[in-house]
Amino acid sequence: MSVLLVSALVTSLLVPVTTSGAVRACSGVASDFDADGRADAVITAPYATVGDGFRAGAVTVMYGVTRAERLSQDSEGVPDAAETGDSFGSAVATGDFDGDGCADLAVGASEEFLGGREPGADGDGVVHLFHGSPRGLRPGRTLDVTDFGLRPARDRFGAALEAGQLDGDDADELVIGTPGLDVGGGVGVYGVRGRKPYMITKATPWVAQEALNTDEFGSVIATGDFDGDGRDEIAVGAPGDGGLRSGAGSVTVLDIAARQAGPYTQESPNVKGAGEKWDHFGASLASGDFNADGRDDLAIGVPGEDLDANVRALEYGAGAVNVLYGSPRGLSSLGSEMWTQNSRGVRGRTRYADRFGASLAAGDFNGDGDDDLAIGAPGESAVQVLAGTRSGGLTSRHNVLIPHGGNGFGSALAAVRRGGNVFDDLLVGSPDSGAVVLIGGVRKKGSFPGLAAQRLRTLGTGPSGALYGYALLP
């Protein structure tokens, strides 16, 4: 694997946010794993070969411009071993899980078996924790479903990961997607103050939803403070949900403090669109404050949405994105939006296999204080960017379409959050071709998104078939 550290990063991803003295302490900067005050990057390759382990998986951590480190289950101190098919790096999340001010890293290996491997079966799954320090990441403990009081049963524990501030203390909590649970899937919650790790499913009494094994509840997760009370809620995607409308999809917002659950589909009042088979509403999620009102909003990918009457059954959709806005009472469908490349003013041309909305990332790419939305359309090998505004949220005015190559560009997205009213940058993965690029933001107030193809630079490349760039951080 080659890693290209380009000079363009010095002025974007890698600019120090804080200065450090002779003895470095943890900076509190998001994704700063080595306490140097700079955000670091993580790129996964869940199908990478490690030793004799085919598709064992590996993760590349890029510490500024100085060094890159490859982590795997064979890395020194990791309490495991790389085995064929483990898919280490199937998901990643960063947060301060121990409250020391250094960013920590969680890595899912969703196809790991806790017993003997069963060819053709889904894995049980594990999650590895790595703790940040002035010397970089150091291995921590490993989690699996037994830590949540369950027996392993091909659950794909760790297929999705997300950090959030769920209880208001100094440490972040970790939410772990477990879509293979036989109650339609679930999400594990780890690190809540005063509570042991626990699992939430559709069968949880205060959730109380009908479940099918094909729902995939927990295959996608986002966290956000949708009511502005200082604590995050959990948005859980179930793209396989739908009952008779197989794969129409749903999203459920969980408030673990109030023990309340709010389900959303394209059949919910005021949500745009209509629930149809294979829409996969909730196949991607991103939270951000698109109207700068102090409450997070939620973008929901619907990559299977059909916009052409001539589309053939089971083919990929043109795609769409639904957006719900936060309110003092939480996420609301009032004033919700639906964006496609058929929306007025949106650049590009709708095609039935674009999968617009297959990936999403929210970030302040123009540095004006409200978040913008990047939308992956890997079937078009492009990224669409809509600007947020204080006068009403997302707008198509001055939207940008950034095409690049022809190998699934836009399959994975991650905003490089720099904080301090500094514009953010965007990481874009093309795992089919094994490449990751960085698109630099620029300060530009108003409805100009801040990203442009002219500021695109290659960040890293990986071997063919490794799915390098499958998941990205920060």
Protein backbone atom coordinates (compact mmCIF):
# COMPACT_ATOMS: atom_id res chain seq x y z
CA MET A 1 0.00 0.00 0.00
CA SER A 2 1.25 3.46 -0.82
CA VAL A 3 0.24 6.58 1.08
CA LEU A 4 0.66 9.95 -0.60
CA LEU A 5 1.02 12.80 1.87
CA VAL A 6 0.52 15.90 -0.22
CA SER A 7 1.51 19.45 0.60
CA ALA A 8 -2.07 20.67 0.14
CA LEU A 9 -2.95 19.00 3.42
CA VAL A 10 -0.67 21.35 5.35
CA THR A 11 -3.17 24.17 4.88
CA SER A 12 -6.29 22.13 5.54
CA LEU A 13 -6.52 18.84 7.41
CA LEU A 14 -3.16 19.21 9.09
CA VAL A 15 -2.97 22.80 10.34
CA PRO A 16 -2.40 22.84 14.13
CA VAL A 17 -5.38 24.14 16.04
CA THR A 18 -3.52 24.50 19.32
CA THR A 19 0.09 24.99 20.26
CA SER A 20 1.83 22.57 22.56
CA GLY A 21 4.54 23.10 25.13
CA ALA A 22 7.52 20.93 25.92
CA VAL A 23 5.25 18.27 27.40
CA ARG A 24 2.29 17.54 25.18
CA ALA A 25 -1.10 17.03 26.77
CA CYS A 26 -4.27 15.84 25.10
CA SER A 27 -5.71 18.67 23.04
CA GLY A 28 -9.43 17.90 22.97
CA VAL A 29 -9.38 18.32 19.17
CA ALA A 30 -11.64 15.84 17.39
CA SER A 31 -9.66 12.98 15.81
CA ASP A 32 -6.38 14.13 17.37
CA PHE A 33 -5.00 10.76 18.42
CA ASP A 34 -1.44 11.90 19.26
CA ALA A 35 -2.05 15.16 21.19
CA ASP A 36 -0.33 17.45 18.70
CA GLY A 37 -3.38 19.68 18.23
CA ARG A 38 -4.04 18.48 14.69
CA ALA A 39 -6.85 16.32 13.37
CA ASP A 40 -5.64 12.93 12.13
CA ALA A 41 -7.24 10.79 9.42
CA VAL A 42 -8.36 7.15 9.38
CA ILE A 43 -8.87 5.06 6.25
CA THR A 44 -10.12 1.48 6.40
CA ALA A 45 -9.53 -1.45 4.06
CA PRO A 46 -11.72 -4.27 5.46
CA TYR A 47 -10.73 -6.69 2.68
CA ALA A 48 -6.97 -6.17 3.06
CA THR A 49 -4.81 -9.26 3.37
CA VAL A 50 -2.91 -9.43 6.67
CA GLY A 51 -0.31 -12.19 6.88
CA ASP A 52 -2.12 -15.30 5.75
CA GLY A 53 -5.52 -13.77 6.45
CA PHE A 54 -7.41 -13.04 3.23
CA ARG A 55 -9.89 -10.21 3.78
CA ALA A 56 -8.75 -9.96 7.39
CA GLY A 57 -8.81 -6.16 7.16
CA ALA A 58 -6.58 -3.25 8.13
CA VAL A 59 -6.83 0.42 9.07
CA THR A 60 -4.42 3.22 8.14
CA VAL A 61 -4.05 6.06 10.65
CA MET A 62 -2.44 9.19 9.20
CA TYR A 63 -0.83 11.31 11.92
CA GLY A 64 -0.43 14.71 10.31
CA VAL A 65 2.20 14.89 7.57
CA THR A 66 4.79 13.02 9.60
CA ARG A 67 3.78 9.39 9.64
CA ALA A 68 1.20 6.76 8.78
CA GLU A 69 0.51 3.68 10.89
CA ARG A 70 -1.20 0.49 9.79
CA LEU A 71 -3.36 -1.19 12.41
CA SER A 72 -4.69 -4.72 12.22
CA GLN A 73 -5.62 -7.53 14.56
CA ASP A 74 -1.98 -8.63 14.29
CA SER A 75 -0.70 -5.28 15.60
CA GLU A 76 1.32 -5.45 18.79
CA GLY A 77 -0.87 -5.35 21.88
CA VAL A 78 -4.15 -6.03 20.09
CA PRO A 79 -5.91 -8.86 21.97
CA ASP A 80 -6.79 -10.83 18.84
CA ALA A 81 -5.31 -12.23 15.63
CA ALA A 82 -5.99 -11.44 11.98
CA GLU A 83 -7.96 -14.26 10.38
CA THR A 84 -9.48 -14.79 6.96
CA GLY A 85 -12.73 -12.91 6.53
CA ASP A 86 -12.72 -10.90 9.79
CA SER A 87 -13.23 -7.55 7.98
CA PHE A 88 -11.39 -5.46 10.56
CA GLY A 89 -12.28 -1.89 9.54
CA SER A 90 -15.87 -2.60 8.51
CA ALA A 91 -16.73 0.48 10.59
CA VAL A 92 -14.85 3.11 12.59
CA ALA A 93 -15.76 5.86 15.05
CA THR A 94 -13.79 8.42 17.01
CA GLY A 95 -14.61 9.98 20.36
CA ASP A 96 -13.09 10.61 23.76
CA PHE A 97 -14.31 7.41 25.39
CA ASP A 98 -12.19 7.69 28.54
CA GLY A 99 -12.54 11.45 29.13
CA ASP A 100 -8.81 12.30 29.07
CA GLY A 101 -9.04 14.84 26.24
CA CYS A 102 -7.35 12.59 23.67
CA ALA A 103 -9.41 11.24 20.80
CA ASP A 104 -9.86 7.46 20.86
CA LEU A 105 -10.68 5.09 18.01
CA ALA A 106 -13.20 2.23 17.77
CA VAL A 107 -12.78 -0.27 14.94
CA GLY A 108 -15.39 -2.86 14.02
CA ALA A 109 -14.57 -6.34 12.73
CA SER A 110 -18.14 -7.37 12.00
CA GLU A 111 -17.29 -10.73 10.41
CA GLU A 112 -15.11 -12.04 13.25
CA PHE A 113 -16.26 -15.39 14.66
CA LEU A 114 -16.01 -15.93 18.39
CA GLY A 115 -15.99 -19.68 17.80
CA GLY A 116 -15.20 -21.71 14.71
CA ARG A 117 -15.72 -20.07 11.34
CA GLU A 118 -18.78 -21.14 9.35
CA PRO A 119 -18.17 -20.69 5.61
CA GLY A 120 -20.89 -18.56 4.05
CA ALA A 121 -22.33 -17.41 7.39
CA ASP A 122 -22.34 -13.89 8.79
CA GLY A 123 -19.86 -13.20 11.56
CA ASP A 124 -20.48 -12.64 15.24
CA GLY A 125 -18.46 -9.43 15.25
CA VAL A 126 -16.17 -7.61 17.67
CA VAL A 127 -15.14 -4.01 18.30
CA HIS A 128 -11.56 -3.02 19.17
CA LEU A 129 -10.87 0.13 21.19
CA PHE A 130 -7.66 2.12 20.74
CA HIS A 131 -6.88 4.98 23.13
CA GLY A 132 -5.19 8.22 22.12
CA SER A 133 -2.06 9.43 23.87
CA PRO A 134 0.87 11.80 23.20
CA ARG A 135 2.54 8.85 21.45
CA GLY A 136 -0.48 7.99 19.34
CA LEU A 137 -3.03 5.20 19.53
CA ARG A 138 -2.50 2.33 21.94
CA PRO A 139 -4.61 -0.86 22.01
CA GLY A 140 -7.40 -1.15 24.58
CA ARG A 141 -10.10 -3.66 25.26
CA THR A 142 -12.22 -5.66 22.84
CA LEU A 143 -16.02 -5.68 23.00
CA ASP A 144 -18.51 -8.29 21.77
CA VAL A 145 -22.16 -9.16 22.41
CA THR A 146 -21.30 -11.09 25.57
CA ASP A 147 -20.42 -7.74 27.18
CA PHE A 148 -24.04 -6.77 26.52
CA GLY A 149 -25.49 -9.88 28.14
CA LEU A 150 -26.11 -11.77 24.89
CA ARG A 151 -24.81 -14.92 23.28
CA PRO A 152 -23.07 -14.61 19.90
CA ALA A 153 -25.36 -15.67 17.07
CA ARG A 154 -23.95 -14.33 13.80
CA ASP A 155 -25.05 -10.82 14.83
CA ARG A 156 -22.50 -8.71 12.86
CA PHE A 157 -21.73 -6.72 16.01
CA GLY A 158 -19.70 -3.67 14.97
CA ALA A 159 -21.10 -3.34 11.44
CA ALA A 160 -21.75 0.33 12.27
CA LEU A 161 -20.20 2.59 14.91
CA GLU A 162 -20.88 6.10 16.13
CA ALA A 163 -19.74 8.20 19.07
CA GLY A 164 -22.05 10.59 20.89
CA GLN A 165 -22.43 12.66 24.04
CA LEU A 166 -25.45 10.80 25.39
CA ASP A 167 -25.29 11.48 29.14
CA GLY A 168 -23.63 14.90 29.52
CA ASP A 169 -20.41 13.80 31.25
CA ASP A 170 -16.82 14.41 30.11
CA ALA A 171 -16.52 11.18 28.14
CA ASP A 172 -18.20 10.20 24.88
CA GLU A 173 -20.32 7.09 24.57
CA LEU A 174 -20.06 4.48 21.82
CA VAL A 175 -23.07 3.21 19.86
CA ILE A 176 -22.53 -0.15 18.15
CA GLY A 177 -24.68 -1.37 15.27
CA THR A 178 -25.66 -5.04 15.44
CA PRO A 179 -27.92 -5.55 12.42
CA GLY A 180 -27.83 -9.35 12.49
CA LEU A 181 -29.64 -9.81 15.81
CA ASP A 182 -32.61 -12.14 15.32
CA VAL A 183 -35.05 -9.46 16.46
CA GLY A 184 -34.41 -7.43 13.31
CA GLY A 185 -31.15 -5.93 14.54
CA GLY A 186 -30.10 -3.70 17.39
CA VAL A 187 -27.73 -1.05 18.72
CA GLY A 188 -25.46 -1.51 21.71
CA VAL A 189 -24.77 1.46 23.98
CA TYR A 190 -21.42 1.46 25.77
CA GLY A 191 -20.06 3.92 28.34
CA VAL A 192 -23.20 5.60 29.68
CA ARG A 193 -22.48 6.89 33.18
CA GLY A 194 -23.75 4.51 35.86
CA ARG A 195 -24.93 1.84 33.43
CA LYS A 196 -23.53 -1.41 32.17
CA PRO A 197 -23.40 -1.87 28.38
CA TYR A 198 -26.87 -2.63 27.04
CA MET A 199 -28.64 -3.40 23.76
CA ILE A 200 -31.65 -1.59 22.28
CA THR A 201 -33.80 -3.44 19.71
CA LYS A 202 -37.20 -2.99 18.14
CA ALA A 203 -38.48 -5.32 20.86
CA THR A 204 -37.30 -3.00 23.64
CA PRO A 205 -40.54 -1.98 25.43
CA TRP A 206 -40.15 1.76 24.91
CA VAL A 207 -39.31 1.23 21.20
CA ALA A 208 -42.10 -1.30 20.56
CA GLN A 209 -41.83 -1.84 16.81
CA GLU A 210 -42.62 -4.92 14.76
CA ALA A 211 -39.44 -6.61 13.58
CA LEU A 212 -38.35 -8.89 10.76
CA ASN A 213 -34.95 -10.55 10.49
CA THR A 214 -34.34 -8.62 7.27
CA ASP A 215 -34.86 -5.13 8.78
CA GLU A 216 -31.13 -4.42 9.34
CA PHE A 217 -31.93 -2.15 12.27
CA GLY A 218 -28.53 -0.81 13.33
CA SER A 219 -26.73 -1.16 10.02
CA VAL A 220 -26.44 2.65 9.94
CA ILE A 221 -26.12 5.03 12.92
CA ALA A 222 -25.83 8.78 13.49
CA THR A 223 -25.92 10.83 16.66
CA GLY A 224 -27.06 14.41 17.07
CA ASP A 225 -28.60 16.84 19.53
CA PHE A 226 -31.88 17.30 17.69
CA ASP A 227 -33.65 19.16 20.54
CA GLY A 228 -30.75 21.33 21.70
CA ASP A 229 -30.70 20.09 25.31
CA GLY A 230 -26.97 19.32 25.34
CA ARG A 231 -27.36 15.55 25.01
CA ASP A 232 -27.28 13.59 21.78
CA GLU A 233 -29.99 11.32 20.51
CA ILE A 234 -29.34 8.26 18.33
CA ALA A 235 -30.70 7.94 14.78
CA VAL A 236 -30.83 4.29 13.69
CA GLY A 237 -31.25 3.28 10.07
CA ALA A 238 -33.10 0.09 9.11
CA PRO A 239 -32.85 0.13 5.30
CA GLY A 240 -34.30 -3.37 4.97
CA ASP A 241 -37.46 -2.48 6.91
CA GLY A 242 -40.81 -2.12 5.20
CA GLY A 243 -43.03 -5.12 5.85
CA LEU A 244 -44.88 -5.80 2.61
CA ARG A 245 -42.81 -3.07 0.97
CA SER A 246 -39.57 -5.01 1.37
CA GLY A 247 -36.59 -2.71 1.71
CA ALA A 248 -38.56 0.54 1.78
CA GLY A 249 -36.56 1.43 4.88
CA SER A 250 -37.06 3.32 8.13
CA VAL A 251 -35.18 5.50 10.60
CA THR A 252 -35.84 5.54 14.35
CA VAL A 253 -34.62 8.33 16.65
CA LEU A 254 -33.84 7.06 20.15
CA ASP A 255 -33.76 9.37 23.17
CA ILE A 256 -32.20 7.08 25.75
CA ALA A 257 -32.66 9.54 28.64
CA ALA A 258 -36.38 10.03 28.05
CA ARG A 259 -36.77 6.42 26.86
CA GLN A 260 -38.65 7.56 23.77
CA ALA A 261 -38.46 6.39 20.17
CA GLY A 262 -39.61 8.28 17.08
CA PRO A 263 -39.91 6.23 13.87
CA TYR A 264 -39.79 7.85 10.42
CA THR A 265 -40.48 6.48 6.94
CA GLN A 266 -41.50 8.05 3.66
CA GLU A 267 -45.06 7.25 4.77
CA SER A 268 -44.75 9.45 7.89
CA PRO A 269 -46.78 12.69 7.87
CA ASN A 270 -44.96 15.56 6.12
CA VAL A 271 -42.04 13.37 5.01
CA LYS A 272 -41.59 13.82 1.28
CA GLY A 273 -41.75 10.86 -1.09
CA ALA A 274 -43.54 7.53 -0.88
CA GLY A 275 -42.35 4.25 0.60
CA GLU A 276 -41.59 1.77 -2.17
CA LYS A 277 -39.83 -1.57 -2.35
CA TRP A 278 -36.03 -1.31 -2.27
CA ASP A 279 -35.90 2.45 -1.66
CA HIS A 280 -33.60 1.77 1.32
CA PHE A 281 -34.64 4.88 3.24
CA GLY A 282 -32.02 5.15 5.98
CA ALA A 283 -29.17 3.49 4.08
CA SER A 284 -27.02 6.49 5.07
CA LEU A 285 -27.37 9.18 7.73
CA ALA A 286 -25.64 12.45 8.60
CA SER A 287 -26.42 14.96 11.33
CA GLY A 288 -25.50 18.63 11.16
CA ASP A 289 -26.90 22.06 11.89
CA PHE A 290 -27.92 23.22 8.41
CA ASN A 291 -29.78 26.34 9.58
CA ALA A 292 -27.52 27.40 12.49
CA ASP A 293 -30.31 27.36 15.08
CA GLY A 294 -28.25 25.44 17.64
CA ARG A 295 -30.05 22.13 17.04
CA ASP A 296 -28.85 19.32 14.81
CA ASP A 297 -30.79 18.29 11.72
CA LEU A 298 -30.77 14.87 10.03
CA ALA A 299 -30.09 13.97 6.40
CA ILE A 300 -31.38 10.54 5.36
CA GLY A 301 -30.10 8.76 2.26
CA VAL A 302 -32.59 6.95 0.01
CA PRO A 303 -30.26 5.57 -2.67
CA GLY A 304 -32.83 3.15 -4.09
CA GLU A 305 -35.42 5.86 -4.82
CA ASP A 306 -36.75 5.47 -8.38
CA LEU A 307 -37.27 8.66 -10.36
CA ASP A 308 -37.69 7.03 -13.76
CA ALA A 309 -40.77 5.03 -14.73
CA ASN A 310 -38.61 2.86 -16.97
CA VAL A 311 -36.38 1.56 -14.16
CA ARG A 312 -36.21 -2.24 -14.03
CA ALA A 313 -36.85 -4.32 -10.92
CA LEU A 314 -33.95 -4.77 -8.47
CA GLU A 315 -31.71 -2.33 -10.34
CA TYR A 316 -30.03 0.47 -8.44
CA GLY A 317 -32.09 3.61 -7.99
CA ALA A 318 -31.46 7.18 -9.03
CA GLY A 319 -31.51 8.11 -5.34
CA ALA A 320 -32.75 10.85 -3.07
CA VAL A 321 -32.05 12.50 0.28
CA ASN A 322 -34.69 13.42 2.85
CA VAL A 323 -33.87 16.10 5.42
CA LEU A 324 -35.62 16.54 8.77
CA TYR A 325 -34.91 19.59 10.93
CA GLY A 326 -34.38 19.81 14.68
CA SER A 327 -36.75 21.68 16.97
CA PRO A 328 -37.16 22.31 20.73
CA ARG A 329 -39.21 19.10 20.82
CA GLY A 330 -36.71 17.10 18.82
CA LEU A 331 -36.50 16.06 15.21
CA SER A 332 -39.55 17.14 13.23
CA SER A 333 -40.96 16.29 9.82
CA LEU A 334 -42.56 19.73 9.57
CA GLY A 335 -40.71 21.64 6.88
CA SER A 336 -38.89 18.52 5.76
CA GLU A 337 -37.20 18.41 2.38
CA MET A 338 -36.45 15.88 -0.32
CA TRP A 339 -33.48 16.45 -2.59
CA THR A 340 -32.73 14.70 -5.89
CA GLN A 341 -30.93 15.68 -9.05
CA ASN A 342 -34.38 16.51 -10.37
CA SER A 343 -34.83 19.15 -7.66
CA ARG A 344 -35.02 22.68 -9.00
CA GLY A 345 -31.58 24.19 -9.45
CA VAL A 346 -29.62 21.05 -8.56
CA ARG A 347 -26.80 20.36 -10.98
CA GLY A 348 -26.37 17.05 -12.75
CA ARG A 349 -28.62 14.65 -14.61
CA THR A 350 -30.67 11.94 -12.94
CA ARG A 351 -29.90 8.38 -14.00
CA TYR A 352 -31.44 5.22 -12.62
CA ALA A 353 -28.16 3.81 -11.25
CA ASP A 354 -26.65 6.94 -9.67
CA ARG A 355 -27.44 5.91 -6.05
CA PHE A 356 -27.58 9.56 -5.06
CA GLY A 357 -27.56 9.56 -1.25
CA ALA A 358 -25.60 6.33 -0.81
CA SER A 359 -23.25 8.29 1.46
CA LEU A 360 -23.60 11.58 3.32
CA ALA A 361 -21.41 13.98 5.29
CA ALA A 362 -22.25 17.24 7.05
CA GLY A 363 -19.60 19.92 7.57
CA ASP A 364 -19.09 23.67 7.47
CA PHE A 365 -17.14 23.60 4.22
CA ASN A 366 -17.34 27.38 3.71
CA GLY A 367 -16.68 28.45 7.31
CA ASP A 368 -19.81 30.57 7.70
CA GLY A 369 -21.11 28.92 10.86
CA ASP A 370 -23.82 26.64 9.42
CA ASP A 371 -23.30 23.13 8.10
CA ASP A 372 -23.40 22.15 4.46
CA LEU A 373 -24.27 18.70 3.08
CA ALA A 374 -22.11 16.51 0.85
CA ILE A 375 -24.01 13.76 -0.98
CA GLY A 376 -22.31 10.80 -2.61
CA ALA A 377 -23.58 9.50 -5.94
CA PRO A 378 -21.18 6.59 -6.55
CA GLY A 379 -23.07 5.35 -9.62
CA GLU A 380 -22.25 8.70 -11.18
CA SER A 381 -18.79 8.80 -9.54
CA ALA A 382 -19.61 12.22 -8.16
CA VAL A 383 -20.29 14.22 -5.01
CA GLN A 384 -23.03 16.85 -4.81
CA VAL A 385 -22.71 19.66 -2.25
CA LEU A 386 -25.61 21.77 -0.96
CA ALA A 387 -24.95 24.82 1.20
CA GLY A 388 -26.66 25.46 4.49
CA THR A 389 -28.10 28.91 5.23
CA ARG A 390 -29.37 30.73 8.30
CA SER A 391 -32.48 31.75 6.39
CA GLY A 392 -33.97 28.29 5.94
CA GLY A 393 -31.40 25.52 5.90
CA LEU A 394 -30.17 23.75 2.80
CA THR A 395 -30.43 25.43 -0.56
CA SER A 396 -29.73 24.46 -4.16
CA ARG A 397 -28.38 27.93 -4.88
CA HIS A 398 -24.74 27.72 -5.99
CA ASN A 399 -24.72 23.95 -5.42
CA VAL A 400 -21.65 22.10 -6.66
CA LEU A 401 -21.30 18.78 -8.50
CA ILE A 402 -17.81 17.28 -8.27
CA PRO A 403 -17.22 14.32 -10.61
CA HIS A 404 -14.01 12.30 -10.47
CA GLY A 405 -13.02 9.17 -12.39
CA GLY A 406 -15.41 6.29 -12.93
CA ASN A 407 -14.91 3.86 -10.07
CA GLY A 408 -17.50 4.60 -7.43
CA PHE A 409 -16.11 7.95 -6.31
CA GLY A 410 -18.34 9.10 -3.47
CA SER A 411 -19.02 5.67 -1.96
CA ALA A 412 -17.71 6.95 1.38
CA LEU A 413 -17.59 10.49 2.76
CA ALA A 414 -16.29 12.12 5.94
CA ALA A 415 -16.10 15.77 6.93
CA VAL A 416 -12.81 16.88 8.47
CA ARG A 417 -14.14 18.96 11.36
CA ARG A 418 -11.58 21.59 12.34
CA GLY A 419 -13.70 23.73 14.70
CA GLY A 420 -13.13 27.35 15.71
CA ASN A 421 -15.15 28.81 12.82
CA VAL A 422 -12.59 27.43 10.37
CA PHE A 423 -13.87 25.87 7.15
CA ASP A 424 -14.00 22.07 7.04
CA ASP A 425 -12.61 19.75 4.38
CA LEU A 426 -14.07 16.58 2.87
CA LEU A 427 -12.61 13.08 2.54
CA VAL A 428 -13.99 11.01 -0.34
CA GLY A 429 -13.45 7.28 -0.76
CA SER A 430 -13.55 5.13 -3.89
CA PRO A 431 -13.09 1.65 -2.38
CA ASP A 432 -13.68 -0.15 -5.67
CA SER A 433 -10.55 1.46 -7.08
CA GLY A 434 -8.75 1.78 -3.74
CA ALA A 435 -8.31 5.56 -3.58
CA VAL A 436 -9.09 8.36 -1.12
CA VAL A 437 -8.99 12.04 -1.97
CA LEU A 438 -9.31 15.20 0.08
CA ILE A 439 -11.31 18.17 -1.17
CA GLY A 440 -10.27 21.35 0.60
CA GLY A 441 -12.85 23.82 1.80
CA VAL A 442 -12.55 27.57 1.46
CA ARG A 443 -14.04 30.46 3.41
CA LYS A 444 -16.99 31.85 1.51
CA LYS A 445 -20.09 33.07 3.32
CA GLY A 446 -23.66 32.47 2.24
CA SER A 447 -24.94 29.86 -0.17
CA PHE A 448 -21.55 28.95 -1.64
CA PRO A 449 -20.69 25.43 -0.38
CA GLY A 450 -16.93 26.03 -0.19
CA LEU A 451 -15.86 22.81 -1.98
CA ALA A 452 -14.65 22.62 -5.58
CA ALA A 453 -13.00 20.06 -7.85
CA GLN A 454 -10.00 22.38 -8.22
CA ARG A 455 -9.05 21.68 -4.58
CA LEU A 456 -9.07 17.89 -4.91
CA ARG A 457 -5.87 16.03 -3.96
CA THR A 458 -5.08 12.34 -3.62
CA LEU A 459 -4.59 11.39 0.02
CA GLY A 460 -3.91 7.65 -0.25
CA THR A 461 -4.18 4.57 -2.41
CA GLY A 462 -4.44 0.90 -1.54
CA PRO A 463 -4.16 -2.47 -3.25
CA SER A 464 -6.87 -3.71 -5.58
CA GLY A 465 -9.60 -5.67 -3.84
CA ALA A 466 -8.79 -4.41 -0.33
CA LEU A 467 -11.70 -1.90 -0.34
CA TYR A 468 -9.30 0.83 0.73
CA GLY A 469 -11.47 3.83 1.61
CA TYR A 470 -14.54 1.78 2.59
CA ALA A 471 -14.92 3.83 5.79
CA LEU A 472 -13.31 7.16 6.66
CA LEU A 473 -12.60 9.40 9.64
CA PRO A 474 -12.65 12.09 10.90
